[in-house]
PDB file of all heavy atoms in Angstrom:
ATOM      1  N   GLU A   1     108.708  92.927  87.716  1.00  0.00           N
ATOM      2  CA  GLU A   1     107.643  93.686  87.169  1.00  0.00           C
ATOM      3  C   GLU A   1     106.380  93.897  88.098  1.00  0.00           C
ATOM      4  O   GLU A   1     105.948  94.977  88.292  1.00  0.00           O
ATOM      5  CB  GLU A   1     107.255  93.399  85.796  1.00  0.00           C
ATOM      6  CG  GLU A   1     108.216  93.505  84.714  1.00  0.00           C
ATOM      7  CD  GLU A   1     107.883  92.818  83.407  1.00  0.00           C
ATOM      8  OE1 GLU A   1     107.145  91.845  83.506  1.00  0.00           O
ATOM      9  OE2 GLU A   1     108.381  93.120  82.354  1.00  0.00           O
ATOM     10  N   ILE A   2     106.231  92.876  88.690  1.00  0.00           N
ATOM     11  CA  ILE A   2     105.021  92.756  89.709  1.00  0.00           C
ATOM     12  C   ILE A   2     105.521  93.593  90.850  1.00  0.00           C
ATOM     13  O   ILE A   2     104.733  94.470  91.502  1.00  0.00           O
ATOM     14  CB  ILE A   2     104.804  91.343  90.140  1.00  0.00           C
ATOM     15  CG1 ILE A   2     104.048  90.676  89.034  1.00  0.00           C
ATOM     16  CG2 ILE A   2     103.832  91.318  91.418  1.00  0.00           C
ATOM     17  CD1 ILE A   2     103.844  89.080  89.377  1.00  0.00           C
ATOM     18  N   ASP A   3     106.740  93.524  91.269  1.00  0.00           N
ATOM     19  CA  ASP A   3     107.245  94.381  92.518  1.00  0.00           C
ATOM     20  C   ASP A   3     107.276  95.755  92.171  1.00  0.00           C
ATOM     21  O   ASP A   3     106.988  96.667  92.880  1.00  0.00           O
ATOM     22  CB  ASP A   3     108.698  93.884  92.775  1.00  0.00           C
ATOM     23  CG  ASP A   3     109.272  94.620  94.006  1.00  0.00           C
ATOM     24  OD1 ASP A   3     108.593  94.516  95.151  1.00  0.00           O
ATOM     25  OD2 ASP A   3     110.191  95.292  93.943  1.00  0.00           O
ATOM     26  N   GLN A   4     107.633  96.080  90.855  1.00  0.00           N
ATOM     27  CA  GLN A   4     107.592  97.595  90.423  1.00  0.00           C
ATOM     28  C   GLN A   4     106.167  98.045  90.435  1.00  0.00           C
ATOM     29  O   GLN A   4     106.106  99.275  90.806  1.00  0.00           O
ATOM     30  CB  GLN A   4     108.143  97.559  88.985  1.00  0.00           C
ATOM     31  CG  GLN A   4     109.644  97.394  88.847  1.00  0.00           C
ATOM     32  CD  GLN A   4     110.463  98.598  89.515  1.00  0.00           C
ATOM     33  OE1 GLN A   4     110.985  98.250  90.565  1.00  0.00           O
ATOM     34  NE2 GLN A   4     110.601  99.609  88.914  1.00  0.00           N
ATOM     35  N   ILE A   5     105.245  97.276  89.939  1.00  0.00           N
ATOM     36  CA  ILE A   5     103.770  97.790  90.007  1.00  0.00           C
ATOM     37  C   ILE A   5     103.351  97.917  91.386  1.00  0.00           C
ATOM     38  O   ILE A   5     102.747  98.984  91.866  1.00  0.00           O
ATOM     39  CB  ILE A   5     102.845  96.709  89.322  1.00  0.00           C
ATOM     40  CG1 ILE A   5     103.217  96.681  87.860  1.00  0.00           C
ATOM     41  CG2 ILE A   5     101.497  97.122  89.626  1.00  0.00           C
ATOM     42  CD1 ILE A   5     102.485  95.605  87.174  1.00  0.00           C
ATOM     43  N   ARG A   6     103.747  97.087  92.337  1.00  0.00           N
ATOM     44  CA  ARG A   6     103.440  97.200  93.812  1.00  0.00           C
ATOM     45  C   ARG A   6     104.073  98.523  94.388  1.00  0.00           C
ATOM     46  O   ARG A   6     103.490  99.265  95.126  1.00  0.00           O
ATOM     47  CB  ARG A   6     103.816  95.945  94.572  1.00  0.00           C
ATOM     48  CG  ARG A   6     103.412  95.876  95.962  1.00  0.00           C
ATOM     49  CD  ARG A   6     103.719  94.506  96.519  1.00  0.00           C
ATOM     50  NE  ARG A   6     105.054  94.008  96.322  1.00  0.00           N
ATOM     51  CZ  ARG A   6     105.580  92.797  96.592  1.00  0.00           C
ATOM     52  NH1 ARG A   6     104.800  92.005  97.166  1.00  0.00           N
ATOM     53  NH2 ARG A   6     106.821  92.472  96.369  1.00  0.00           N
ATOM     54  N   GLN A   7     105.421  98.677  94.021  1.00  0.00           N
ATOM     55  CA  GLN A   7     106.059  99.934  94.488  1.00  0.00           C
ATOM     56  C   GLN A   7     105.398 101.129  93.942  1.00  0.00           C
ATOM     57  O   GLN A   7     105.276 102.129  94.710  1.00  0.00           O
ATOM     58  CB  GLN A   7     107.446  99.746  94.104  1.00  0.00           C
ATOM     59  CG  GLN A   7     108.280  98.765  95.039  1.00  0.00           C
ATOM     60  CD  GLN A   7     109.777  98.811  94.624  1.00  0.00           C
ATOM     61  OE1 GLN A   7     110.281  99.862  94.288  1.00  0.00           O
ATOM     62  NE2 GLN A   7     110.451  97.809  94.916  1.00  0.00           N
ATOM     63  N   GLU A   8     104.901 101.099  92.702  1.00  0.00           N
ATOM     64  CA  GLU A   8     104.339 102.210  92.013  1.00  0.00           C
ATOM     65  C   GLU A   8     103.000 102.517  92.777  1.00  0.00           C
ATOM     66  O   GLU A   8     102.661 103.702  93.062  1.00  0.00           O
ATOM     67  CB  GLU A   8     104.127 102.010  90.625  1.00  0.00           C
ATOM     68  CG  GLU A   8     103.497 103.216  89.762  1.00  0.00           C
ATOM     69  CD  GLU A   8     104.561 104.315  89.763  1.00  0.00           C
ATOM     70  OE1 GLU A   8     105.601 103.995  89.827  1.00  0.00           O
ATOM     71  OE2 GLU A   8     104.059 105.445  89.619  1.00  0.00           O
ATOM     72  N   GLU A   9     102.223 101.475  93.153  1.00  0.00           N
ATOM     73  CA  GLU A   9     101.008 101.661  93.957  1.00  0.00           C
ATOM     74  C   GLU A   9     101.285 102.292  95.244  1.00  0.00           C
ATOM     75  O   GLU A   9     100.527 103.119  95.606  1.00  0.00           O
ATOM     76  CB  GLU A   9     100.220 100.410  93.960  1.00  0.00           C
ATOM     77  CG  GLU A   9      99.685  99.738  92.635  1.00  0.00           C
ATOM     78  CD  GLU A   9      99.110  98.468  92.791  1.00  0.00           C
ATOM     79  OE1 GLU A   9      99.200  97.921  93.887  1.00  0.00           O
ATOM     80  OE2 GLU A   9      98.456  98.028  91.720  1.00  0.00           O
ATOM     81  N   ARG A  10     102.223 101.807  96.000  1.00  0.00           N
ATOM     82  CA  ARG A  10     102.673 102.445  97.204  1.00  0.00           C
ATOM     83  C   ARG A  10     103.054 103.844  97.106  1.00  0.00           C
ATOM     84  O   ARG A  10     102.686 104.624  97.885  1.00  0.00           O
ATOM     85  CB  ARG A  10     103.672 101.499  97.882  1.00  0.00           C
ATOM     86  CG  ARG A  10     103.254 100.288  98.478  1.00  0.00           C
ATOM     87  CD  ARG A  10     104.203  99.674  99.624  1.00  0.00           C
ATOM     88  NE  ARG A  10     105.314  99.309  98.900  1.00  0.00           N
ATOM     89  CZ  ARG A  10     105.716  98.095  98.665  1.00  0.00           C
ATOM     90  NH1 ARG A  10     104.818  97.080  98.894  1.00  0.00           N
ATOM     91  NH2 ARG A  10     106.927  97.800  98.038  1.00  0.00           N
ATOM     92  N   ARG A  11     103.829 104.034  96.052  1.00  0.00           N
ATOM     93  CA  ARG A  11     104.275 105.285  95.861  1.00  0.00           C
ATOM     94  C   ARG A  11     103.061 106.431  95.426  1.00  0.00           C
ATOM     95  O   ARG A  11     103.022 107.513  96.068  1.00  0.00           O
ATOM     96  CB  ARG A  11     105.242 105.515  94.647  1.00  0.00           C
ATOM     97  CG  ARG A  11     105.987 106.845  94.410  1.00  0.00           C
ATOM     98  CD  ARG A  11     106.907 106.716  93.209  1.00  0.00           C
ATOM     99  NE  ARG A  11     107.939 105.791  93.496  1.00  0.00           N
ATOM    100  CZ  ARG A  11     107.930 104.719  92.807  1.00  0.00           C
ATOM    101  NH1 ARG A  11     107.093 104.333  91.825  1.00  0.00           N
ATOM    102  NH2 ARG A  11     108.866 103.730  93.001  1.00  0.00           N
ATOM    103  N   ALA A  12     102.020 105.811  94.691  1.00  0.00           N
ATOM    104  CA  ALA A  12     100.876 106.740  94.537  1.00  0.00           C
ATOM    105  C   ALA A  12     100.064 106.902  95.709  1.00  0.00           C
ATOM    106  O   ALA A  12      99.586 107.980  95.938  1.00  0.00           O
ATOM    107  CB  ALA A  12     100.096 106.066  93.370  1.00  0.00           C
ATOM    108  N   GLY A  13     100.019 105.867  96.533  1.00  0.00           N
ATOM    109  CA  GLY A  13      99.425 106.081  97.843  1.00  0.00           C
ATOM    110  C   GLY A  13     100.025 107.030  98.682  1.00  0.00           C
ATOM    111  O   GLY A  13      99.291 107.780  99.369  1.00  0.00           O
ATOM    112  N   ARG A  14     101.344 107.049  98.767  1.00  0.00           N
ATOM    113  CA  ARG A  14     102.064 108.032  99.554  1.00  0.00           C
ATOM    114  C   ARG A  14     101.867 109.418  98.988  1.00  0.00           C
ATOM    115  O   ARG A  14     101.728 110.387  99.732  1.00  0.00           O
ATOM    116  CB  ARG A  14     103.619 107.730  99.651  1.00  0.00           C
ATOM    117  CG  ARG A  14     103.920 106.505 100.532  1.00  0.00           C
ATOM    118  CD  ARG A  14     105.369 106.294 100.851  1.00  0.00           C
ATOM    119  NE  ARG A  14     106.084 106.152  99.563  1.00  0.00           N
ATOM    120  CZ  ARG A  14     106.504 104.938  99.143  1.00  0.00           C
ATOM    121  NH1 ARG A  14     106.050 103.788  99.820  1.00  0.00           N
ATOM    122  NH2 ARG A  14     107.150 104.819  98.008  1.00  0.00           N
ATOM    123  N   ASN A  15     101.820 109.556  97.593  1.00  0.00           N
ATOM    124  CA  ASN A  15     101.589 110.897  97.070  1.00  0.00           C
ATOM    125  C   ASN A  15     100.261 111.411  97.249  1.00  0.00           C
ATOM    126  O   ASN A  15     100.013 112.653  97.545  1.00  0.00           O
ATOM    127  CB  ASN A  15     101.883 110.764  95.567  1.00  0.00           C
ATOM    128  CG  ASN A  15     103.400 110.518  95.258  1.00  0.00           C
ATOM    129  OD1 ASN A  15     104.285 110.782  95.971  1.00  0.00           O
ATOM    130  ND2 ASN A  15     103.609 110.040  94.080  1.00  0.00           N
ATOM    131  N   ASN A  16      99.227 110.525  97.506  1.00  0.00           N
ATOM    132  CA  ASN A  16      97.967 110.893  97.700  1.00  0.00           C
ATOM    133  C   ASN A  16      97.478 110.949  99.184  1.00  0.00           C
ATOM    134  O   ASN A  16      96.394 111.182  99.663  1.00  0.00           O
ATOM    135  CB  ASN A  16      96.965 109.887  97.008  1.00  0.00           C
ATOM    136  CG  ASN A  16      95.581 110.532  96.732  1.00  0.00           C
ATOM    137  OD1 ASN A  16      95.328 111.583  96.498  1.00  0.00           O
ATOM    138  ND2 ASN A  16      94.518 109.635  97.117  1.00  0.00           N
ATOM    139  N   GLU A  17      98.535 110.660  99.973  1.00  0.00           N
ATOM    140  CA  GLU A  17      98.273 110.622 101.462  1.00  0.00           C
ATOM    141  C   GLU A  17      97.880 111.929 102.075  1.00  0.00           C
ATOM    142  O   GLU A  17      96.984 112.070 102.924  1.00  0.00           O
ATOM    143  CB  GLU A  17      99.470 110.019 102.183  1.00  0.00           C
ATOM    144  CG  GLU A  17      99.341 109.995 103.682  1.00  0.00           C
ATOM    145  CD  GLU A  17     100.611 109.364 104.324  1.00  0.00           C
ATOM    146  OE1 GLU A  17     101.566 109.002 103.627  1.00  0.00           O
ATOM    147  OE2 GLU A  17     100.666 109.210 105.519  1.00  0.00           O
ATOM    148  N   GLN A  18      98.399 113.124 101.541  1.00  0.00           N
ATOM    149  CA  GLN A  18      97.979 114.320 102.033  1.00  0.00           C
ATOM    150  C   GLN A  18      96.586 114.643 101.706  1.00  0.00           C
ATOM    151  O   GLN A  18      95.855 115.219 102.521  1.00  0.00           O
ATOM    152  CB  GLN A  18      98.939 115.395 101.446  1.00  0.00           C
ATOM    153  CG  GLN A  18      98.745 116.791 102.085  1.00  0.00           C
ATOM    154  CD  GLN A  18      99.766 117.788 101.564  1.00  0.00           C
ATOM    155  OE1 GLN A  18     100.596 117.522 100.659  1.00  0.00           O
ATOM    156  NE2 GLN A  18      99.700 119.077 102.133  1.00  0.00           N
ATOM    157  N   HIS A  19      96.103 114.354 100.463  1.00  0.00           N
ATOM    158  CA  HIS A  19      94.711 114.643 100.124  1.00  0.00           C
ATOM    159  C   HIS A  19      93.896 113.767 100.939  1.00  0.00           C
ATOM    160  O   HIS A  19      92.781 114.163 101.343  1.00  0.00           O
ATOM    161  CB  HIS A  19      94.636 114.250  98.612  1.00  0.00           C
ATOM    162  CG  HIS A  19      93.170 114.331  98.095  1.00  0.00           C
ATOM    163  ND1 HIS A  19      92.572 115.615  97.916  1.00  0.00           N
ATOM    164  CD2 HIS A  19      92.235 113.485  97.800  1.00  0.00           C
ATOM    165  CE1 HIS A  19      91.388 115.396  97.432  1.00  0.00           C
ATOM    166  NE2 HIS A  19      91.048 114.191  97.327  1.00  0.00           N
ATOM    167  N   VAL A  20      94.201 112.492 101.255  1.00  0.00           N
ATOM    168  CA  VAL A  20      93.436 111.494 102.051  1.00  0.00           C
ATOM    169  C   VAL A  20      93.230 112.115 103.368  1.00  0.00           C
ATOM    170  O   VAL A  20      92.231 112.225 104.041  1.00  0.00           O
ATOM    171  CB  VAL A  20      93.870 110.092 101.946  1.00  0.00           C
ATOM    172  CG1 VAL A  20      93.220 109.304 102.983  1.00  0.00           C
ATOM    173  CG2 VAL A  20      93.854 109.435 100.547  1.00  0.00           C
ATOM    174  N   GLN A  21      94.351 112.429 103.900  1.00  0.00           N
ATOM    175  CA  GLN A  21      94.408 113.005 105.312  1.00  0.00           C
ATOM    176  C   GLN A  21      93.624 114.424 105.402  1.00  0.00           C
ATOM    177  O   GLN A  21      92.798 114.646 106.486  1.00  0.00           O
ATOM    178  CB  GLN A  21      95.847 113.398 105.680  1.00  0.00           C
ATOM    179  CG  GLN A  21      96.064 113.842 107.191  1.00  0.00           C
ATOM    180  CD  GLN A  21      97.459 114.113 107.528  1.00  0.00           C
ATOM    181  OE1 GLN A  21      98.238 114.639 106.650  1.00  0.00           O
ATOM    182  NE2 GLN A  21      97.743 113.819 108.829  1.00  0.00           N
ATOM    183  N   ARG A  22      93.618 115.169 104.365  1.00  0.00           N
ATOM    184  CA  ARG A  22      92.715 116.383 104.343  1.00  0.00           C
ATOM    185  C   ARG A  22      91.236 116.016 104.442  1.00  0.00           C
ATOM    186  O   ARG A  22      90.442 116.545 105.179  1.00  0.00           O
ATOM    187  CB  ARG A  22      93.103 117.102 103.185  1.00  0.00           C
ATOM    188  CG  ARG A  22      92.196 118.399 102.931  1.00  0.00           C
ATOM    189  CD  ARG A  22      92.564 119.191 101.664  1.00  0.00           C
ATOM    190  NE  ARG A  22      91.797 120.272 101.442  1.00  0.00           N
ATOM    191  CZ  ARG A  22      91.754 121.064 100.324  1.00  0.00           C
ATOM    192  NH1 ARG A  22      92.773 120.790  99.407  1.00  0.00           N
ATOM    193  NH2 ARG A  22      91.010 122.094 100.163  1.00  0.00           N
ATOM    194  N   GLY A  23      90.862 115.110 103.657  1.00  0.00           N
ATOM    195  CA  GLY A  23      89.382 114.666 103.664  1.00  0.00           C
ATOM    196  C   GLY A  23      89.164 114.035 105.124  1.00  0.00           C
ATOM    197  O   GLY A  23      88.048 114.165 105.502  1.00  0.00           O
ATOM    198  N   ARG A  24      90.045 113.240 105.614  1.00  0.00           N
ATOM    199  CA  ARG A  24      89.783 112.577 106.925  1.00  0.00           C
ATOM    200  C   ARG A  24      89.542 113.649 108.026  1.00  0.00           C
ATOM    201  O   ARG A  24      88.653 113.377 108.860  1.00  0.00           O
ATOM    202  CB  ARG A  24      90.894 111.704 107.314  1.00  0.00           C
ATOM    203  CG  ARG A  24      90.565 110.745 108.339  1.00  0.00           C
ATOM    204  CD  ARG A  24      91.664 109.579 108.308  1.00  0.00           C
ATOM    205  NE  ARG A  24      92.997 109.969 108.514  1.00  0.00           N
ATOM    206  CZ  ARG A  24      93.958 109.890 107.597  1.00  0.00           C
ATOM    207  NH1 ARG A  24      93.622 109.218 106.443  1.00  0.00           N
ATOM    208  NH2 ARG A  24      95.196 110.241 107.843  1.00  0.00           N
ATOM    209  N   ILE A  25      90.426 114.655 108.165  1.00  0.00           N
ATOM    210  CA  ILE A  25      90.289 115.601 109.205  1.00  0.00           C
ATOM    211  C   ILE A  25      89.103 116.441 108.922  1.00  0.00           C
ATOM    212  O   ILE A  25      88.304 116.864 109.819  1.00  0.00           O
ATOM    213  CB  ILE A  25      91.573 116.413 109.216  1.00  0.00           C
ATOM    214  CG1 ILE A  25      91.816 117.196 107.962  1.00  0.00           C
ATOM    215  CG2 ILE A  25      92.675 115.561 109.689  1.00  0.00           C
ATOM    216  CD1 ILE A  25      93.139 118.081 108.028  1.00  0.00           C
ATOM    217  N   ASN A  26      88.638 116.694 107.638  1.00  0.00           N
ATOM    218  CA  ASN A  26      87.350 117.510 107.283  1.00  0.00           C
ATOM    219  C   ASN A  26      86.312 116.719 107.758  1.00  0.00           C
ATOM    220  O   ASN A  26      85.259 117.235 108.259  1.00  0.00           O
ATOM    221  CB  ASN A  26      87.436 117.883 105.838  1.00  0.00           C
ATOM    222  CG  ASN A  26      88.314 119.051 105.486  1.00  0.00           C
ATOM    223  OD1 ASN A  26      88.720 119.753 106.377  1.00  0.00           O
ATOM    224  ND2 ASN A  26      88.869 119.009 104.307  1.00  0.00           N
ATOM    225  N   LEU A  27      86.324 115.367 107.591  1.00  0.00           N
ATOM    226  CA  LEU A  27      85.181 114.541 108.008  1.00  0.00           C
ATOM    227  C   LEU A  27      85.015 114.559 109.476  1.00  0.00           C
ATOM    228  O   LEU A  27      83.824 114.662 109.918  1.00  0.00           O
ATOM    229  CB  LEU A  27      85.504 113.069 107.526  1.00  0.00           C
ATOM    230  CG  LEU A  27      84.538 111.983 107.977  1.00  0.00           C
ATOM    231  CD1 LEU A  27      83.160 112.256 107.490  1.00  0.00           C
ATOM    232  CD2 LEU A  27      84.983 110.616 107.617  1.00  0.00           C
ATOM    233  N   ILE A  28      86.184 114.529 110.186  1.00  0.00           N
ATOM    234  CA  ILE A  28      85.943 114.604 111.701  1.00  0.00           C
ATOM    235  C   ILE A  28      85.339 115.936 112.007  1.00  0.00           C
ATOM    236  O   ILE A  28      84.522 116.018 113.021  1.00  0.00           O
ATOM    237  CB  ILE A  28      87.436 114.421 112.296  1.00  0.00           C
ATOM    238  CG1 ILE A  28      87.927 112.880 111.899  1.00  0.00           C
ATOM    239  CG2 ILE A  28      87.381 114.637 113.747  1.00  0.00           C
ATOM    240  CD1 ILE A  28      89.430 112.786 112.448  1.00  0.00           C
ATOM    241  N   GLU A  29      85.832 116.973 111.494  1.00  0.00           N
ATOM    242  CA  GLU A  29      85.278 118.424 111.837  1.00  0.00           C
ATOM    243  C   GLU A  29      83.755 118.420 111.520  1.00  0.00           C
ATOM    244  O   GLU A  29      83.086 118.939 112.325  1.00  0.00           O
ATOM    245  CB  GLU A  29      86.028 119.404 111.102  1.00  0.00           C
ATOM    246  CG  GLU A  29      87.450 119.687 111.546  1.00  0.00           C
ATOM    247  CD  GLU A  29      87.581 120.034 112.993  1.00  0.00           C
ATOM    248  OE1 GLU A  29      86.564 120.885 113.416  1.00  0.00           O
ATOM    249  OE2 GLU A  29      88.408 119.585 113.694  1.00  0.00           O
ATOM    250  N   THR A  30      83.386 117.750 110.397  1.00  0.00           N
ATOM    251  CA  THR A  30      81.983 117.748 110.031  1.00  0.00           C
ATOM    252  C   THR A  30      81.126 117.093 111.095  1.00  0.00           C
ATOM    253  O   THR A  30      79.950 117.449 111.544  1.00  0.00           O
ATOM    254  CB  THR A  30      81.788 117.135 108.558  1.00  0.00           C
ATOM    255  OG1 THR A  30      82.561 117.924 107.725  1.00  0.00           O
ATOM    256  CG2 THR A  30      80.386 117.264 108.164  1.00  0.00           C
ATOM    257  N   ILE A  31      81.599 115.972 111.374  1.00  0.00           N
ATOM    258  CA  ILE A  31      80.959 115.074 112.448  1.00  0.00           C
ATOM    259  C   ILE A  31      80.856 115.875 113.762  1.00  0.00           C
ATOM    260  O   ILE A  31      79.800 115.782 114.441  1.00  0.00           O
ATOM    261  CB  ILE A  31      81.620 113.708 112.663  1.00  0.00           C
ATOM    262  CG1 ILE A  31      81.606 112.868 111.338  1.00  0.00           C
ATOM    263  CG2 ILE A  31      81.065 112.954 113.851  1.00  0.00           C
ATOM    264  CD1 ILE A  31      82.380 111.615 111.434  1.00  0.00           C
ATOM    265  N   LYS A  32      81.924 116.486 114.140  1.00  0.00           N
ATOM    266  CA  LYS A  32      81.860 117.223 115.310  1.00  0.00           C
ATOM    267  C   LYS A  32      80.860 118.483 115.181  1.00  0.00           C
ATOM    268  O   LYS A  32      80.162 118.707 116.350  1.00  0.00           O
ATOM    269  CB  LYS A  32      83.341 117.969 115.640  1.00  0.00           C
ATOM    270  CG  LYS A  32      84.382 116.931 116.016  1.00  0.00           C
ATOM    271  CD  LYS A  32      85.671 117.548 116.364  1.00  0.00           C
ATOM    272  CE  LYS A  32      86.668 116.597 116.928  1.00  0.00           C
ATOM    273  NZ  LYS A  32      87.927 117.219 117.180  1.00  0.00           N
ATOM    274  N   ASN A  33      80.756 119.015 114.139  1.00  0.00           N
ATOM    275  CA  ASN A  33      79.701 120.156 114.043  1.00  0.00           C
ATOM    276  C   ASN A  33      78.342 119.621 114.157  1.00  0.00           C
ATOM    277  O   ASN A  33      77.422 120.292 114.776  1.00  0.00           O
ATOM    278  CB  ASN A  33      79.956 120.852 112.587  1.00  0.00           C
ATOM    279  CG  ASN A  33      81.294 121.603 112.539  1.00  0.00           C
ATOM    280  OD1 ASN A  33      81.807 122.061 113.622  1.00  0.00           O
ATOM    281  ND2 ASN A  33      81.746 121.797 111.339  1.00  0.00           N
ATOM    282  N   VAL A  34      78.085 118.422 113.481  1.00  0.00           N
ATOM    283  CA  VAL A  34      76.709 117.987 113.655  1.00  0.00           C
ATOM    284  C   VAL A  34      76.330 117.459 115.021  1.00  0.00           C
ATOM    285  O   VAL A  34      75.361 117.674 115.640  1.00  0.00           O
ATOM    286  CB  VAL A  34      76.596 116.668 112.589  1.00  0.00           C
ATOM    287  CG1 VAL A  34      75.281 115.878 112.959  1.00  0.00           C
ATOM    288  CG2 VAL A  34      76.780 117.069 111.229  1.00  0.00           C
ATOM    289  N   MET A  35      77.439 116.905 115.755  1.00  0.00           N
ATOM    290  CA  MET A  35      77.297 116.600 117.127  1.00  0.00           C
ATOM    291  C   MET A  35      77.073 117.862 117.971  1.00  0.00           C
ATOM    292  O   MET A  35      76.151 117.896 118.882  1.00  0.00           O
ATOM    293  CB  MET A  35      78.442 115.856 117.710  1.00  0.00           C
ATOM    294  CG  MET A  35      78.568 114.427 117.227  1.00  0.00           C
ATOM    295  SD  MET A  35      77.147 113.395 117.884  1.00  0.00           S
ATOM    296  CE  MET A  35      77.461 113.646 119.720  1.00  0.00           C
ATOM    297  N   GLN A  36      77.770 118.873 117.746  1.00  0.00           N
ATOM    298  CA  GLN A  36      77.470 120.153 118.464  1.00  0.00           C
ATOM    299  C   GLN A  36      76.124 120.641 118.145  1.00  0.00           C
ATOM    300  O   GLN A  36      75.413 121.146 119.173  1.00  0.00           O
ATOM    301  CB  GLN A  36      78.583 121.134 117.925  1.00  0.00           C
ATOM    302  CG  GLN A  36      78.485 122.367 118.763  1.00  0.00           C
ATOM    303  CD  GLN A  36      79.610 123.359 118.445  1.00  0.00           C
ATOM    304  OE1 GLN A  36      80.337 123.183 117.411  1.00  0.00           O
ATOM    305  NE2 GLN A  36      79.696 124.422 119.162  1.00  0.00           N
ATOM    306  N   GLU A  37      75.570 120.597 116.920  1.00  0.00           N
ATOM    307  CA  GLU A  37      74.345 121.059 116.724  1.00  0.00           C
ATOM    308  C   GLU A  37      73.200 120.185 117.403  1.00  0.00           C
ATOM    309  O   GLU A  37      72.243 120.746 117.932  1.00  0.00           O
ATOM    310  CB  GLU A  37      74.092 120.997 115.148  1.00  0.00           C
ATOM    311  CG  GLU A  37      72.587 121.368 114.676  1.00  0.00           C
ATOM    312  CD  GLU A  37      72.491 121.242 113.251  1.00  0.00           C
ATOM    313  OE1 GLU A  37      73.422 120.969 112.461  1.00  0.00           O
ATOM    314  OE2 GLU A  37      71.310 121.353 112.856  1.00  0.00           O
ATOM    315  N   ALA A  38      73.435 118.943 117.444  1.00  0.00           N
ATOM    316  CA  ALA A  38      72.508 117.961 118.044  1.00  0.00           C
ATOM    317  C   ALA A  38      72.519 118.241 119.617  1.00  0.00           C
ATOM    318  O   ALA A  38      71.499 118.176 120.263  1.00  0.00           O
ATOM    319  CB  ALA A  38      72.853 116.586 117.773  1.00  0.00           C
ATOM    320  N   GLN A  39      73.713 118.407 120.194  1.00  0.00           N
ATOM    321  CA  GLN A  39      73.837 118.712 121.611  1.00  0.00           C
ATOM    322  C   GLN A  39      73.047 120.090 121.941  1.00  0.00           C
ATOM    323  O   GLN A  39      72.339 120.198 123.090  1.00  0.00           O
ATOM    324  CB  GLN A  39      75.286 118.844 122.006  1.00  0.00           C
ATOM    325  CG  GLN A  39      75.973 117.454 121.997  1.00  0.00           C
ATOM    326  CD  GLN A  39      77.467 117.468 122.223  1.00  0.00           C
ATOM    327  OE1 GLN A  39      77.836 118.638 122.421  1.00  0.00           O
ATOM    328  NE2 GLN A  39      78.040 116.408 122.372  1.00  0.00           N
ATOM    329  N   ILE A  40      73.236 120.986 121.043  1.00  0.00           N
ATOM    330  CA  ILE A  40      72.398 122.332 121.504  1.00  0.00           C
ATOM    331  C   ILE A  40      70.992 122.096 121.406  1.00  0.00           C
ATOM    332  O   ILE A  40      70.187 122.649 122.184  1.00  0.00           O
ATOM    333  CB  ILE A  40      72.922 123.431 120.357  1.00  0.00           C
ATOM    334  CG1 ILE A  40      74.404 123.748 120.648  1.00  0.00           C
ATOM    335  CG2 ILE A  40      72.025 124.670 120.396  1.00  0.00           C
ATOM    336  CD1 ILE A  40      74.975 124.765 119.522  1.00  0.00           C
TER     337      ILE A  40
END
């Protein structure tokens, strides 16, 4: 049962991976925009 819970958590993490990746790449783009504004 512990292994099933662990696998379920990993499965949920894999299912949420696309959403996390989307937030991560948007964060990178936001940082780049702030840096570009500061450089100007």
